[in-house]
């Protein structure tokens, strides 16, 4: 989380809204441990990582939707999910994320 705070502060200073995605649980093999975080600005800039790259694109899409709706959501990507395979999560596990807007 500390590594993305600088980006969040910069985006906030620019007047950008920001969503934060965090790994809240992993079942089986997963690319990142719980606590891993990724911030997404409303103009699509990204800081941090929740999957080492394999589902980041899908998480950015979720984060931008969270900013549009203002509502937090839980997202799950797992090997058995067609979407997880399509975005590249082939490690065999399941990753649970919480994606929420940061309110100042």
C-alpha atoms as a PDB file:
ATOM      1  CA  UNK A   1       0.000   0.000   0.000  1.00  0.00           C
ATOM      2  CA  UNK A   2       2.790   2.424   0.806  1.00  0.00           C
ATOM      3  CA  UNK A   3       4.132   2.196  -2.734  1.00  0.00           C
ATOM      4  CA  UNK A   4       0.884   3.541  -4.199  1.00  0.00           C
ATOM      5  CA  UNK A   5       0.251   6.366  -1.740  1.00  0.00           C
ATOM      6  CA  UNK A   6       2.400   8.794  -3.729  1.00  0.00           C
ATOM      7  CA  UNK A   7       0.325   8.183  -6.860  1.00  0.00           C
ATOM      8  CA  UNK A   8      -2.931   8.517  -4.931  1.00  0.00           C
ATOM      9  CA  UNK A   9      -1.760  11.824  -3.443  1.00  0.00           C
ATOM     10  CA  UNK A  10      -0.752  13.097  -6.898  1.00  0.00           C
ATOM     11  CA  UNK A  11      -4.068  12.106  -8.495  1.00  0.00           C
ATOM     12  CA  UNK A  12      -5.995  13.616  -5.612  1.00  0.00           C
ATOM     13  CA  UNK A  13      -4.061  16.896  -6.004  1.00  0.00           C
ATOM     14  CA  UNK A  14      -5.106  16.884  -9.681  1.00  0.00           C
ATOM     15  CA  UNK A  15      -8.759  16.531  -8.678  1.00  0.00           C
ATOM     16  CA  UNK A  16      -9.018  12.923  -9.878  1.00  0.00           C
ATOM     17  CA  UNK A  17     -11.282  10.440  -8.171  1.00  0.00           C
ATOM     18  CA  UNK A  18      -9.599   7.162  -7.223  1.00  0.00           C
ATOM     19  CA  UNK A  19     -10.722   3.577  -6.705  1.00  0.00           C
ATOM     20  CA  UNK A  20      -8.767   1.097  -4.615  1.00  0.00           C
ATOM     21  CA  UNK A  21      -8.734  -2.651  -5.301  1.00  0.00           C
ATOM     22  CA  UNK A  22      -7.397  -4.940  -2.580  1.00  0.00           C
ATOM     23  CA  UNK A  23      -6.863  -8.675  -2.397  1.00  0.00           C
ATOM     24  CA  UNK A  24      -9.009  -9.811   0.519  1.00  0.00           C
ATOM     25  CA  UNK A  25      -8.631 -13.590   0.148  1.00  0.00           C
ATOM     26  CA  UNK A  26      -6.899 -16.214  -1.960  1.00  0.00           C
ATOM     27  CA  UNK A  27      -7.968 -19.828  -2.335  1.00  0.00           C
ATOM     28  CA  UNK A  28      -5.338 -22.241  -3.603  1.00  0.00           C
ATOM     29  CA  UNK A  29      -2.501 -20.789  -5.640  1.00  0.00           C
ATOM     30  CA  UNK A  30      -2.694 -17.062  -6.264  1.00  0.00           C
ATOM     31  CA  UNK A  31      -0.394 -14.473  -7.762  1.00  0.00           C
ATOM     32  CA  UNK A  32      -0.490 -12.038  -4.794  1.00  0.00           C
ATOM     33  CA  UNK A  33      -1.248 -12.386  -1.085  1.00  0.00           C
ATOM     34  CA  UNK A  34      -4.118 -10.723   0.772  1.00  0.00           C
ATOM     35  CA  UNK A  35      -3.376  -7.070   1.328  1.00  0.00           C
ATOM     36  CA  UNK A  36      -1.944  -6.474  -2.149  1.00  0.00           C
ATOM     37  CA  UNK A  37      -3.451  -3.276  -3.539  1.00  0.00           C
ATOM     38  CA  UNK A  38      -3.915  -1.382  -6.766  1.00  0.00           C
ATOM     39  CA  UNK A  39      -5.194   2.174  -7.191  1.00  0.00           C
ATOM     40  CA  UNK A  40      -6.918   3.373 -10.363  1.00  0.00           C
ATOM     41  CA  UNK A  41      -7.541   7.028 -11.192  1.00  0.00           C
ATOM     42  CA  UNK A  42     -10.689   8.041 -13.029  1.00  0.00           C
ATOM     43  CA  UNK A  43      -8.613   8.725 -16.145  1.00  0.00           C
ATOM     44  CA  UNK A  44      -7.276   5.146 -16.081  1.00  0.00           C
ATOM     45  CA  UNK A  45      -3.834   5.502 -14.508  1.00  0.00           C
ATOM     46  CA  UNK A  46      -2.765   2.557 -12.367  1.00  0.00           C
ATOM     47  CA  UNK A  47      -0.430   2.150  -9.390  1.00  0.00           C
ATOM     48  CA  UNK A  48       0.295  -1.109  -7.590  1.00  0.00           C
ATOM     49  CA  UNK A  49      -0.771  -4.631  -8.467  1.00  0.00           C
ATOM     50  CA  UNK A  50      -3.270  -7.211  -7.269  1.00  0.00           C
ATOM     51  CA  UNK A  51      -2.226 -10.051  -9.543  1.00  0.00           C
ATOM     52  CA  UNK A  52       1.215  -9.480 -10.962  1.00  0.00           C
ATOM     53  CA  UNK A  53      -0.403  -8.644 -14.292  1.00  0.00           C
ATOM     54  CA  UNK A  54      -2.719 -11.550 -15.053  1.00  0.00           C
ATOM     55  CA  UNK A  55      -6.064  -9.885 -14.186  1.00  0.00           C
ATOM     56  CA  UNK A  56      -5.058  -6.232 -13.914  1.00  0.00           C
ATOM     57  CA  UNK A  57      -6.977  -5.187 -17.037  1.00  0.00           C
ATOM     58  CA  UNK A  58     -10.202  -6.671 -15.735  1.00  0.00           C
ATOM     59  CA  UNK A  59      -9.641  -5.039 -12.339  1.00  0.00           C
ATOM     60  CA  UNK A  60      -9.132  -1.627 -13.988  1.00  0.00           C
ATOM     61  CA  UNK A  61     -12.489  -2.094 -15.727  1.00  0.00           C
ATOM     62  CA  UNK A  62     -14.133  -2.968 -12.393  1.00  0.00           C
ATOM     63  CA  UNK A  63     -12.479   0.027 -10.697  1.00  0.00           C
ATOM     64  CA  UNK A  64     -13.675   2.463 -13.353  1.00  0.00           C
ATOM     65  CA  UNK A  65     -17.196   1.058 -13.022  1.00  0.00           C
ATOM     66  CA  UNK A  66     -17.004   1.481  -9.236  1.00  0.00           C
ATOM     67  CA  UNK A  67     -16.054   5.130  -9.784  1.00  0.00           C
ATOM     68  CA  UNK A  68     -19.014   5.532 -12.167  1.00  0.00           C
ATOM     69  CA  UNK A  69     -21.516   4.008  -9.745  1.00  0.00           C
ATOM     70  CA  UNK A  70     -19.943   5.074  -6.459  1.00  0.00           C
ATOM     71  CA  UNK A  71     -20.623   1.623  -5.032  1.00  0.00           C
ATOM     72  CA  UNK A  72     -17.986  -0.781  -3.705  1.00  0.00           C
ATOM     73  CA  UNK A  73     -18.081  -4.370  -4.879  1.00  0.00           C
ATOM     74  CA  UNK A  74     -16.447  -7.709  -4.302  1.00  0.00           C
ATOM     75  CA  UNK A  75     -14.934  -9.356  -7.383  1.00  0.00           C
ATOM     76  CA  UNK A  76     -13.744 -12.921  -7.744  1.00  0.00           C
ATOM     77  CA  UNK A  77     -11.411 -14.342 -10.360  1.00  0.00           C
ATOM     78  CA  UNK A  78     -10.766 -18.074 -10.363  1.00  0.00           C
ATOM     79  CA  UNK A  79      -9.298 -20.657 -12.658  1.00  0.00           C
ATOM     80  CA  UNK A  80     -12.686 -22.258 -13.286  1.00  0.00           C
ATOM     81  CA  UNK A  81     -14.214 -18.936 -14.284  1.00  0.00           C
ATOM     82  CA  UNK A  82     -14.319 -18.340 -18.043  1.00  0.00           C
ATOM     83  CA  UNK A  83     -13.506 -14.686 -17.404  1.00  0.00           C
ATOM     84  CA  UNK A  84     -10.446 -15.582 -15.314  1.00  0.00           C
ATOM     85  CA  UNK A  85      -9.057 -17.778 -18.085  1.00  0.00           C
ATOM     86  CA  UNK A  86      -9.829 -15.092 -20.655  1.00  0.00           C
ATOM     87  CA  UNK A  87      -7.895 -12.453 -18.688  1.00  0.00           C
ATOM     88  CA  UNK A  88      -5.026 -14.801 -17.894  1.00  0.00           C
ATOM     89  CA  UNK A  89      -5.490 -16.115 -14.335  1.00  0.00           C
ATOM     90  CA  UNK A  90      -4.247 -19.630 -14.934  1.00  0.00           C
ATOM     91  CA  UNK A  91      -2.450 -20.228 -11.613  1.00  0.00           C
ATOM     92  CA  UNK A  92      -5.198 -22.595 -10.511  1.00  0.00           C
ATOM     93  CA  UNK A  93      -6.449 -20.554  -7.559  1.00  0.00           C
ATOM     94  CA  UNK A  94      -9.172 -18.040  -6.833  1.00  0.00           C
ATOM     95  CA  UNK A  95      -8.564 -14.402  -5.940  1.00  0.00           C
ATOM     96  CA  UNK A  96     -11.168 -12.322  -4.096  1.00  0.00           C
ATOM     97  CA  UNK A  97     -10.925  -8.528  -4.349  1.00  0.00           C
ATOM     98  CA  UNK A  98     -12.689  -5.610  -2.748  1.00  0.00           C
ATOM     99  CA  UNK A  99     -12.911  -2.643  -5.109  1.00  0.00           C
ATOM    100  CA  UNK A 100     -14.094   0.611  -3.583  1.00  0.00           C
ATOM    101  CA  UNK A 101     -14.038   4.327  -4.300  1.00  0.00           C
ATOM    102  CA  UNK A 102     -11.756   6.377  -2.066  1.00  0.00           C
ATOM    103  CA  UNK A 103     -13.705   9.216  -0.522  1.00  0.00           C
ATOM    104  CA  UNK A 104     -11.849  12.242   0.727  1.00  0.00           C
END
